Amino acid sequence: MTLSAWHAYDHYALALIAVVGTFAATFAIQWFIQRSRWTGWARSLQGVAPPFINIIGVLFGLTLAFIANDTWSAHDRAMSAVYREADGLRGIAALADSLPAPLRDRVRASLAAYARASADEWSQLARRGESPEVHAHADALLTLLASAELSAATGGNVQSLMLRKASEIRDHHDLRVALSKTHVNPLKWLGMAFLGFLTLLSVAAVHLERPRAAFVAMALFALAAAPTAAIVLVQGNPFQRPSSVTPAPIEAVAAQLHG
């Protein structure tokens, strides 16, 4: 696997590290308080009040919730951008229906070429890349819509509306490209990992006199936190599986224009 491919899919490895690291920390803390040579010193720290867990646990939960919200918000924005891009293409096609046949066919052909290139870009979006062909077809569409020939055929108002829709299509495309390139923020996740480790320590601290209960409590926290963090991590790019945004709306427009 090349370095660029690793960079595009490294959040899957980070998800695995989050799961393995959480359970490794659980077993390490259990070993420390029950079997290490520092067990006696650890037991001397008994007396931490159980409600103390709530303080750090709430901080950890809020941090994870904020990160998850950022991830799912990016997915929703990407999906919205795809539908708006497809709607813009349909809008220009509808406005072009009143044009003379040769010019109408050229506009529809330009729209179809852009739509096909945009739909074909999905594999590159999954690798945090973009297709120069999409930009080339977008430029060609703008050039055609801004031409004097189209102005004479439609009048200023219709041409202005077409150009505005074409500009919006570019904006929506640029947005989904930007969302595909968003990467794991190391500071956010390091902060969450640190709070998770402190939560495990606080759980152990309030159960020092009962090591088995401490292990059960830490294991339950790990079972709740680690998979949740992994689920958020693997959805870091809205154009990758398991919940990838689909190009179906744009593909439908391409098929309609081609037909």
C-alpha atoms as a PDB file:
ATOM      1  CA  MET A   1       0.000   0.000   0.000  1.00  0.00           C
ATOM      2  CA  THR A   2       1.391   3.410  -0.986  1.00  0.00           C
ATOM      3  CA  LEU A   3       1.827   6.248   1.469  1.00  0.00           C
ATOM      4  CA  SER A   4      -1.044   8.199  -0.063  1.00  0.00           C
ATOM      5  CA  ALA A   5      -3.367   5.187   0.175  1.00  0.00           C
ATOM      6  CA  TRP A   6      -2.354   4.661   3.791  1.00  0.00           C
ATOM      7  CA  HIS A   7      -3.064   8.313   4.525  1.00  0.00           C
ATOM      8  CA  ALA A   8      -6.511   7.972   2.941  1.00  0.00           C
ATOM      9  CA  TYR A   9      -7.512   4.928   5.002  1.00  0.00           C
ATOM     10  CA  ASP A  10      -5.473   5.335   8.190  1.00  0.00           C
ATOM     11  CA  HIS A  11      -8.576   6.054  10.267  1.00  0.00           C
ATOM     12  CA  TYR A  12      -9.407   2.343  10.065  1.00  0.00           C
ATOM     13  CA  ALA A  13      -6.068   1.594  11.716  1.00  0.00           C
ATOM     14  CA  LEU A  14      -6.749   4.317  14.281  1.00  0.00           C
ATOM     15  CA  ALA A  15     -10.114   2.703  15.042  1.00  0.00           C
ATOM     16  CA  LEU A  16      -8.329  -0.598  15.691  1.00  0.00           C
ATOM     17  CA  ILE A  17      -5.794   1.177  17.904  1.00  0.00           C
ATOM     18  CA  ALA A  18      -8.646   2.787  19.858  1.00  0.00           C
ATOM     19  CA  VAL A  19     -10.258  -0.600  20.558  1.00  0.00           C
ATOM     20  CA  VAL A  20      -7.031  -2.471  21.335  1.00  0.00           C
ATOM     21  CA  GLY A  21      -5.619   0.430  23.330  1.00  0.00           C
ATOM     22  CA  THR A  22      -8.726   0.745  25.504  1.00  0.00           C
ATOM     23  CA  PHE A  23      -8.748  -2.917  26.466  1.00  0.00           C
ATOM     24  CA  ALA A  24      -4.958  -2.952  26.901  1.00  0.00           C
ATOM     25  CA  ALA A  25      -5.264  -0.036  29.303  1.00  0.00           C
ATOM     26  CA  THR A  26      -8.008  -1.889  31.183  1.00  0.00           C
ATOM     27  CA  PHE A  27      -5.849  -4.979  31.694  1.00  0.00           C
ATOM     28  CA  ALA A  28      -2.784  -2.870  32.533  1.00  0.00           C
ATOM     29  CA  ILE A  29      -4.631  -0.973  35.256  1.00  0.00           C
ATOM     30  CA  GLN A  30      -6.078  -4.212  36.620  1.00  0.00           C
ATOM     31  CA  TRP A  31      -2.585  -5.742  36.746  1.00  0.00           C
ATOM     32  CA  PHE A  32      -1.265  -2.637  38.478  1.00  0.00           C
ATOM     33  CA  ILE A  33      -3.839  -2.648  41.277  1.00  0.00           C
ATOM     34  CA  GLN A  34      -3.936  -6.434  41.780  1.00  0.00           C
ATOM     35  CA  ARG A  35      -0.658  -8.153  40.815  1.00  0.00           C
ATOM     36  CA  SER A  36       2.154  -5.614  40.446  1.00  0.00           C
ATOM     37  CA  ARG A  37       4.757  -4.844  43.117  1.00  0.00           C
ATOM     38  CA  TRP A  38       2.988  -1.503  43.614  1.00  0.00           C
ATOM     39  CA  THR A  39      -0.294  -3.165  44.575  1.00  0.00           C
ATOM     40  CA  GLY A  40       0.155  -2.282  48.245  1.00  0.00           C
ATOM     41  CA  TRP A  41       0.717   1.371  47.451  1.00  0.00           C
ATOM     42  CA  ALA A  42      -2.291   1.375  45.119  1.00  0.00           C
ATOM     43  CA  ARG A  43      -4.505  -0.146  47.820  1.00  0.00           C
ATOM     44  CA  SER A  44      -3.422   2.628  50.189  1.00  0.00           C
ATOM     45  CA  LEU A  45      -5.274   5.091  47.963  1.00  0.00           C
ATOM     46  CA  GLN A  46      -8.671   3.679  48.944  1.00  0.00           C
ATOM     47  CA  GLY A  47     -11.353   6.157  49.870  1.00  0.00           C
ATOM     48  CA  VAL A  48     -12.081   7.990  46.623  1.00  0.00           C
ATOM     49  CA  ALA A  49     -15.803   8.767  46.600  1.00  0.00           C
ATOM     50  CA  PRO A  50     -17.782   6.957  43.851  1.00  0.00           C
ATOM     51  CA  PRO A  51     -19.460  10.169  42.561  1.00  0.00           C
ATOM     52  CA  PHE A  52     -15.981  11.316  41.507  1.00  0.00           C
ATOM     53  CA  ILE A  53     -16.338   9.073  38.444  1.00  0.00           C
ATOM     54  CA  ASN A  54     -19.138  11.282  37.149  1.00  0.00           C
ATOM     55  CA  ILE A  55     -16.908  14.328  36.761  1.00  0.00           C
ATOM     56  CA  ILE A  56     -14.381  12.781  34.380  1.00  0.00           C
ATOM     57  CA  GLY A  57     -16.935  10.485  32.762  1.00  0.00           C
ATOM     58  CA  VAL A  58     -19.131  13.424  31.762  1.00  0.00           C
ATOM     59  CA  LEU A  59     -16.132  15.249  30.277  1.00  0.00           C
ATOM     60  CA  PHE A  60     -15.228  12.136  28.289  1.00  0.00           C
ATOM     61  CA  GLY A  61     -18.812  11.635  27.086  1.00  0.00           C
ATOM     62  CA  LEU A  62     -19.161  15.260  25.987  1.00  0.00           C
ATOM     63  CA  THR A  63     -15.867  15.158  24.099  1.00  0.00           C
ATOM     64  CA  LEU A  64     -16.858  11.988  22.255  1.00  0.00           C
ATOM     65  CA  ALA A  65     -20.307  13.419  21.520  1.00  0.00           C
ATOM     66  CA  PHE A  66     -18.840  16.599  20.016  1.00  0.00           C
ATOM     67  CA  ILE A  67     -16.448  14.615  17.806  1.00  0.00           C
ATOM     68  CA  ALA A  68     -19.261  12.299  16.699  1.00  0.00           C
ATOM     69  CA  ASN A  69     -21.463  15.296  15.907  1.00  0.00           C
ATOM     70  CA  ASP A  70     -18.706  16.793  13.711  1.00  0.00           C
ATOM     71  CA  THR A  71     -18.369  13.482  11.842  1.00  0.00           C
ATOM     72  CA  TRP A  72     -22.074  12.945  11.205  1.00  0.00           C
ATOM     73  CA  SER A  73     -22.586  16.611  10.363  1.00  0.00           C
ATOM     74  CA  ALA A  74     -19.929  16.274   7.642  1.00  0.00           C
ATOM     75  CA  HIS A  75     -21.791  13.246   6.276  1.00  0.00           C
ATOM     76  CA  ASP A  76     -25.082  15.173   6.169  1.00  0.00           C
ATOM     77  CA  ARG A  77     -23.444  18.190   4.498  1.00  0.00           C
ATOM     78  CA  ALA A  78     -21.848  15.948   1.867  1.00  0.00           C
ATOM     79  CA  MET A  79     -25.183  14.289   1.101  1.00  0.00           C
ATOM     80  CA  SER A  80     -26.884  17.677   0.855  1.00  0.00           C
ATOM     81  CA  ALA A  81     -24.161  18.933  -1.509  1.00  0.00           C
ATOM     82  CA  VAL A  82     -24.675  15.942  -3.815  1.00  0.00           C
ATOM     83  CA  TYR A  83     -28.433  16.490  -4.036  1.00  0.00           C
ATOM     84  CA  ARG A  84     -28.017  20.230  -4.587  1.00  0.00           C
ATOM     85  CA  GLU A  85     -25.448  19.585  -7.304  1.00  0.00           C
ATOM     86  CA  ALA A  86     -27.845  17.226  -9.063  1.00  0.00           C
ATOM     87  CA  ASP A  87     -30.698  19.695  -8.653  1.00  0.00           C
ATOM     88  CA  GLY A  88     -28.597  22.449 -10.206  1.00  0.00           C
ATOM     89  CA  LEU A  89     -27.875  20.263 -13.228  1.00  0.00           C
ATOM     90  CA  ARG A  90     -31.578  19.480 -13.642  1.00  0.00           C
ATOM     91  CA  GLY A  91     -32.410  23.191 -13.333  1.00  0.00           C
ATOM     92  CA  ILE A  92     -30.043  24.187 -16.133  1.00  0.00           C
ATOM     93  CA  ALA A  93     -31.367  21.341 -18.292  1.00  0.00           C
ATOM     94  CA  ALA A  94     -34.928  22.562 -17.748  1.00  0.00           C
ATOM     95  CA  LEU A  95     -33.985  26.132 -18.665  1.00  0.00           C
ATOM     96  CA  ALA A  96     -32.207  24.865 -21.768  1.00  0.00           C
ATOM     97  CA  ASP A  97     -35.359  23.201 -23.111  1.00  0.00           C
ATOM     98  CA  SER A  98     -36.510  26.506 -24.592  1.00  0.00           C
ATOM     99  CA  LEU A  99     -33.297  26.945 -26.598  1.00  0.00           C
ATOM    100  CA  PRO A 100     -33.005  26.233 -30.332  1.00  0.00           C
ATOM    101  CA  ALA A 101     -32.228  22.579 -30.991  1.00  0.00           C
ATOM    102  CA  PRO A 102     -28.500  22.836 -31.829  1.00  0.00           C
ATOM    103  CA  LEU A 103     -27.713  25.042 -28.838  1.00  0.00           C
ATOM    104  CA  ARG A 104     -29.991  23.037 -26.530  1.00  0.00           C
ATOM    105  CA  ASP A 105     -28.215  19.836 -27.502  1.00  0.00           C
ATOM    106  CA  ARG A 106     -24.809  21.408 -26.826  1.00  0.00           C
ATOM    107  CA  VAL A 107     -25.908  22.553 -23.359  1.00  0.00           C
ATOM    108  CA  ARG A 108     -27.357  19.147 -22.521  1.00  0.00           C
ATOM    109  CA  ALA A 109     -24.224  17.408 -23.817  1.00  0.00           C
ATOM    110  CA  SER A 110     -22.062  19.668 -21.658  1.00  0.00           C
ATOM    111  CA  LEU A 111     -24.252  18.974 -18.638  1.00  0.00           C
ATOM    112  CA  ALA A 112     -24.114  15.220 -19.285  1.00  0.00           C
ATOM    113  CA  ALA A 113     -20.323  15.285 -19.614  1.00  0.00           C
ATOM    114  CA  TYR A 114     -20.021  17.131 -16.312  1.00  0.00           C
ATOM    115  CA  ALA A 115     -22.447  14.774 -14.568  1.00  0.00           C
ATOM    116  CA  ARG A 116     -20.605  11.657 -15.780  1.00  0.00           C
ATOM    117  CA  ALA A 117     -17.228  13.062 -14.715  1.00  0.00           C
ATOM    118  CA  SER A 118     -18.658  14.092 -11.351  1.00  0.00           C
ATOM    119  CA  ALA A 119     -20.122  10.627 -10.691  1.00  0.00           C
ATOM    120  CA  ASP A 120     -16.873   8.952 -11.788  1.00  0.00           C
ATOM    121  CA  GLU A 121     -14.988  11.060  -9.252  1.00  0.00           C
ATOM    122  CA  TRP A 122     -16.333   9.034  -6.305  1.00  0.00           C
ATOM    123  CA  SER A 123     -13.444   6.572  -6.176  1.00  0.00           C
ATOM    124  CA  GLN A 124     -11.026   9.499  -5.952  1.00  0.00           C
ATOM    125  CA  LEU A 125     -13.087  11.170  -3.242  1.00  0.00           C
ATOM    126  CA  ALA A 126     -12.784   7.961  -1.221  1.00  0.00           C
ATOM    127  CA  ARG A 127      -8.987   8.395  -1.447  1.00  0.00           C
ATOM    128  CA  ARG A 128      -9.242  12.075  -0.439  1.00  0.00           C
ATOM    129  CA  GLY A 129      -8.533  13.180  -4.003  1.00  0.00           C
ATOM    130  CA  GLU A 130     -10.390  14.930  -6.813  1.00  0.00           C
ATOM    131  CA  SER A 131     -10.683  14.684 -10.585  1.00  0.00           C
ATOM    132  CA  PRO A 132      -9.308  17.461 -12.812  1.00  0.00           C
ATOM    133  CA  GLU A 133     -11.829  16.358 -15.440  1.00  0.00           C
ATOM    134  CA  VAL A 134     -14.681  17.657 -13.309  1.00  0.00           C
ATOM    135  CA  HIS A 135     -13.118  21.119 -13.169  1.00  0.00           C
ATOM    136  CA  ALA A 136     -12.477  21.026 -16.925  1.00  0.00           C
ATOM    137  CA  HIS A 137     -16.100  20.149 -17.686  1.00  0.00           C
ATOM    138  CA  ALA A 138     -17.325  22.784 -15.218  1.00  0.00           C
ATOM    139  CA  ASP A 139     -15.209  25.417 -16.975  1.00  0.00           C
ATOM    140  CA  ALA A 140     -16.514  24.305 -20.363  1.00  0.00           C
ATOM    141  CA  LEU A 141     -20.109  24.526 -19.107  1.00  0.00           C
ATOM    142  CA  LEU A 142     -19.563  28.035 -17.743  1.00  0.00           C
ATOM    143  CA  THR A 143     -17.937  29.139 -20.985  1.00  0.00           C
ATOM    144  CA  LEU A 144     -20.887  27.852 -22.993  1.00  0.00           C
ATOM    145  CA  LEU A 145     -23.478  29.414 -20.697  1.00  0.00           C
ATOM    146  CA  ALA A 146     -21.661  32.763 -20.772  1.00  0.00           C
ATOM    147  CA  SER A 147     -21.403  32.822 -24.563  1.00  0.00           C
ATOM    148  CA  ALA A 148     -22.935  35.559 -26.685  1.00  0.00           C
ATOM    149  CA  GLU A 149     -24.775  32.888 -28.681  1.00  0.00           C
ATOM    150  CA  LEU A 150     -26.670  31.711 -25.602  1.00  0.00           C
ATOM    151  CA  SER A 151     -27.312  35.296 -24.522  1.00  0.00           C
ATOM    152  CA  ALA A 152     -28.930  36.059 -27.870  1.00  0.00           C
ATOM    153  CA  ALA A 153     -31.056  32.924 -27.663  1.00  0.00           C
ATOM    154  CA  THR A 154     -32.294  33.350 -24.081  1.00  0.00           C
ATOM    155  CA  GLY A 155     -32.037  36.945 -23.033  1.00  0.00           C
ATOM    156  CA  GLY A 156     -30.168  38.294 -20.053  1.00  0.00           C
ATOM    157  CA  ASN A 157     -32.426  37.011 -17.261  1.00  0.00           C
ATOM    158  CA  VAL A 158     -32.431  33.335 -18.258  1.00  0.00           C
ATOM    159  CA  GLN A 159     -28.708  33.371 -18.972  1.00  0.00           C
ATOM    160  CA  SER A 160     -28.045  34.996 -15.603  1.00  0.00           C
ATOM    161  CA  LEU A 161     -30.092  32.286 -13.877  1.00  0.00           C
ATOM    162  CA  MET A 162     -28.202  29.550 -15.730  1.00  0.00           C
ATOM    163  CA  LEU A 163     -24.855  31.048 -14.782  1.00  0.00           C
ATOM    164  CA  ARG A 164     -25.913  31.347 -11.147  1.00  0.00           C
ATOM    165  CA  LYS A 165     -26.930  27.692 -11.069  1.00  0.00           C
ATOM    166  CA  ALA A 166     -23.649  26.672 -12.718  1.00  0.00           C
ATOM    167  CA  SER A 167     -21.723  28.638 -10.104  1.00  0.00           C
ATOM    168  CA  GLU A 168     -23.718  26.938  -7.340  1.00  0.00           C
ATOM    169  CA  ILE A 169     -22.931  23.533  -8.875  1.00  0.00           C
ATOM    170  CA  ARG A 170     -19.219  24.338  -8.625  1.00  0.00           C
ATOM    171  CA  ASP A 171     -19.657  25.445  -5.017  1.00  0.00           C
ATOM    172  CA  HIS A 172     -21.421  22.216  -4.063  1.00  0.00           C
ATOM    173  CA  HIS A 173     -18.743  20.169  -5.831  1.00  0.00           C
ATOM    174  CA  ASP A 174     -15.980  22.058  -4.021  1.00  0.00           C
ATOM    175  CA  LEU A 175     -17.765  21.488  -0.706  1.00  0.00           C
ATOM    176  CA  ARG A 176     -17.923  17.721  -1.103  1.00  0.00           C
ATOM    177  CA  VAL A 177     -14.277  17.637  -2.214  1.00  0.00           C
ATOM    178  CA  ALA A 178     -13.335  19.607   0.895  1.00  0.00           C
ATOM    179  CA  LEU A 179     -15.375  17.272   3.105  1.00  0.00           C
ATOM    180  CA  SER A 180     -13.661  14.236   1.557  1.00  0.00           C
ATOM    181  CA  LYS A 181     -10.282  15.690   2.534  1.00  0.00           C
ATOM    182  CA  THR A 182     -11.110  16.332   6.173  1.00  0.00           C
ATOM    183  CA  HIS A 183      -8.824  14.212   8.299  1.00  0.00           C
ATOM    184  CA  VAL A 184      -8.695  12.900  11.847  1.00  0.00           C
ATOM    185  CA  ASN A 185      -7.834  15.765  14.179  1.00  0.00           C
ATOM    186  CA  PRO A 186      -5.052  14.316  16.367  1.00  0.00           C
ATOM    187  CA  LEU A 187      -5.480  16.853  19.168  1.00  0.00           C
ATOM    188  CA  LYS A 188      -9.200  16.094  19.537  1.00  0.00           C
ATOM    189  CA  TRP A 189      -8.640  12.351  19.628  1.00  0.00           C
ATOM    190  CA  LEU A 190      -5.605  12.531  21.913  1.00  0.00           C
ATOM    191  CA  GLY A 191      -7.656  14.644  24.308  1.00  0.00           C
ATOM    192  CA  MET A 192     -10.488  12.133  24.198  1.00  0.00           C
ATOM    193  CA  ALA A 193      -8.074   9.218  24.699  1.00  0.00           C
ATOM    194  CA  PHE A 194      -6.546  10.969  27.710  1.00  0.00           C
ATOM    195  CA  LEU A 195      -9.979  11.567  29.230  1.00  0.00           C
ATOM    196  CA  GLY A 196     -10.889   7.933  28.570  1.00  0.00           C
ATOM    197  CA  PHE A 197      -7.754   6.762  30.361  1.00  0.00           C
ATOM    198  CA  LEU A 198      -8.519   9.046  33.305  1.00  0.00           C
ATOM    199  CA  THR A 199     -12.040   7.620  33.404  1.00  0.00           C
ATOM    200  CA  LEU A 200     -10.622   4.093  33.628  1.00  0.00           C
ATOM    201  CA  LEU A 201      -8.316   5.223  36.445  1.00  0.00           C
ATOM    202  CA  SER A 202     -11.187   6.842  38.323  1.00  0.00           C
ATOM    203  CA  VAL A 203     -13.273   3.660  37.997  1.00  0.00           C
ATOM    204  CA  ALA A 204     -10.383   1.629  39.390  1.00  0.00           C
ATOM    205  CA  ALA A 205      -9.781   4.170  42.168  1.00  0.00           C
ATOM    206  CA  VAL A 206     -13.264   3.807  43.628  1.00  0.00           C
ATOM    207  CA  HIS A 207     -13.042  -0.010  43.564  1.00  0.00           C
ATOM    208  CA  LEU A 208      -9.542  -0.524  44.974  1.00  0.00           C
ATOM    209  CA  GLU A 209     -10.810  -2.633  47.856  1.00  0.00           C
ATOM    210  CA  ARG A 210     -12.637  -4.953  45.392  1.00  0.00           C
ATOM    211  CA  PRO A 211     -10.301  -5.743  42.450  1.00  0.00           C
ATOM    212  CA  ARG A 212     -12.775  -8.037  40.684  1.00  0.00           C
ATOM    213  CA  ALA A 213     -15.464  -5.373  40.818  1.00  0.00           C
ATOM    214  CA  ALA A 214     -12.934  -2.870  39.502  1.00  0.00           C
ATOM    215  CA  PHE A 215     -12.200  -5.104  36.517  1.00  0.00           C
ATOM    216  CA  VAL A 216     -15.883  -5.611  35.734  1.00  0.00           C
ATOM    217  CA  ALA A 217     -16.565  -1.864  35.940  1.00  0.00           C
ATOM    218  CA  MET A 218     -13.586  -0.990  33.737  1.00  0.00           C
ATOM    219  CA  ALA A 219     -14.488  -3.714  31.238  1.00  0.00           C
ATOM    220  CA  LEU A 220     -18.044  -2.395  30.959  1.00  0.00           C
ATOM    221  CA  PHE A 221     -16.747   1.117  30.325  1.00  0.00           C
ATOM    222  CA  ALA A 222     -14.313  -0.217  27.704  1.00  0.00           C
ATOM    223  CA  LEU A 223     -17.103  -2.157  25.982  1.00  0.00           C
ATOM    224  CA  ALA A 224     -19.153   1.033  25.775  1.00  0.00           C
ATOM    225  CA  ALA A 225     -16.431   3.519  24.854  1.00  0.00           C
ATOM    226  CA  ALA A 226     -14.084   1.646  22.510  1.00  0.00           C
ATOM    227  CA  PRO A 227     -16.617   0.457  19.883  1.00  0.00           C
ATOM    228  CA  THR A 228     -18.324   3.848  19.922  1.00  0.00           C
ATOM    229  CA  ALA A 229     -15.046   5.644  19.256  1.00  0.00           C
ATOM    230  CA  ALA A 230     -14.210   3.127  16.511  1.00  0.00           C
ATOM    231  CA  ILE A 231     -17.583   3.690  14.809  1.00  0.00           C
ATOM    232  CA  VAL A 232     -16.977   7.440  14.761  1.00  0.00           C
ATOM    233  CA  LEU A 233     -13.439   6.980  13.435  1.00  0.00           C
ATOM    234  CA  VAL A 234     -14.347   4.691  10.525  1.00  0.00           C
ATOM    235  CA  GLN A 235     -16.877   7.282   9.315  1.00  0.00           C
ATOM    236  CA  GLY A 236     -14.231   9.997   9.074  1.00  0.00           C
ATOM    237  CA  ASN A 237     -14.571  10.290   5.285  1.00  0.00           C
ATOM    238  CA  PRO A 238     -18.218  10.581   4.135  1.00  0.00           C
ATOM    239  CA  PHE A 239     -17.256   9.024   0.780  1.00  0.00           C
ATOM    240  CA  GLN A 240     -15.892   5.794   2.233  1.00  0.00           C
ATOM    241  CA  ARG A 241     -17.704   2.731   3.472  1.00  0.00           C
ATOM    242  CA  PRO A 242     -19.523   1.698   5.604  1.00  0.00           C
ATOM    243  CA  SER A 243     -21.809   4.741   5.323  1.00  0.00           C
ATOM    244  CA  SER A 244     -20.545   6.379   2.139  1.00  0.00           C
ATOM    245  CA  VAL A 245     -22.532   9.110   0.428  1.00  0.00           C
ATOM    246  CA  THR A 246     -23.887   7.791  -2.863  1.00  0.00           C
ATOM    247  CA  PRO A 247     -23.493   9.451  -6.292  1.00  0.00           C
ATOM    248  CA  ALA A 248     -26.920   8.105  -7.321  1.00  0.00           C
ATOM    249  CA  PRO A 249     -28.593  11.553  -7.693  1.00  0.00           C
ATOM    250  CA  ILE A 250     -25.885  12.748 -10.098  1.00  0.00           C
ATOM    251  CA  GLU A 251     -25.862   9.419 -11.939  1.00  0.00           C
ATOM    252  CA  ALA A 252     -29.629   9.744 -12.411  1.00  0.00           C
ATOM    253  CA  VAL A 253     -29.188  13.185 -13.973  1.00  0.00           C
ATOM    254  CA  ALA A 254     -26.439  11.863 -16.269  1.00  0.00           C
ATOM    255  CA  ALA A 255     -28.723   9.038 -17.427  1.00  0.00           C
ATOM    256  CA  GLN A 256     -31.605  11.445 -17.992  1.00  0.00           C
ATOM    257  CA  LEU A 257     -29.470  13.838 -20.042  1.00  0.00           C
ATOM    258  CA  HIS A 258     -27.924  11.019 -22.024  1.00  0.00           C
ATOM    259  CA  GLY A 259     -31.340   9.663 -22.837  1.00  0.00           C
END
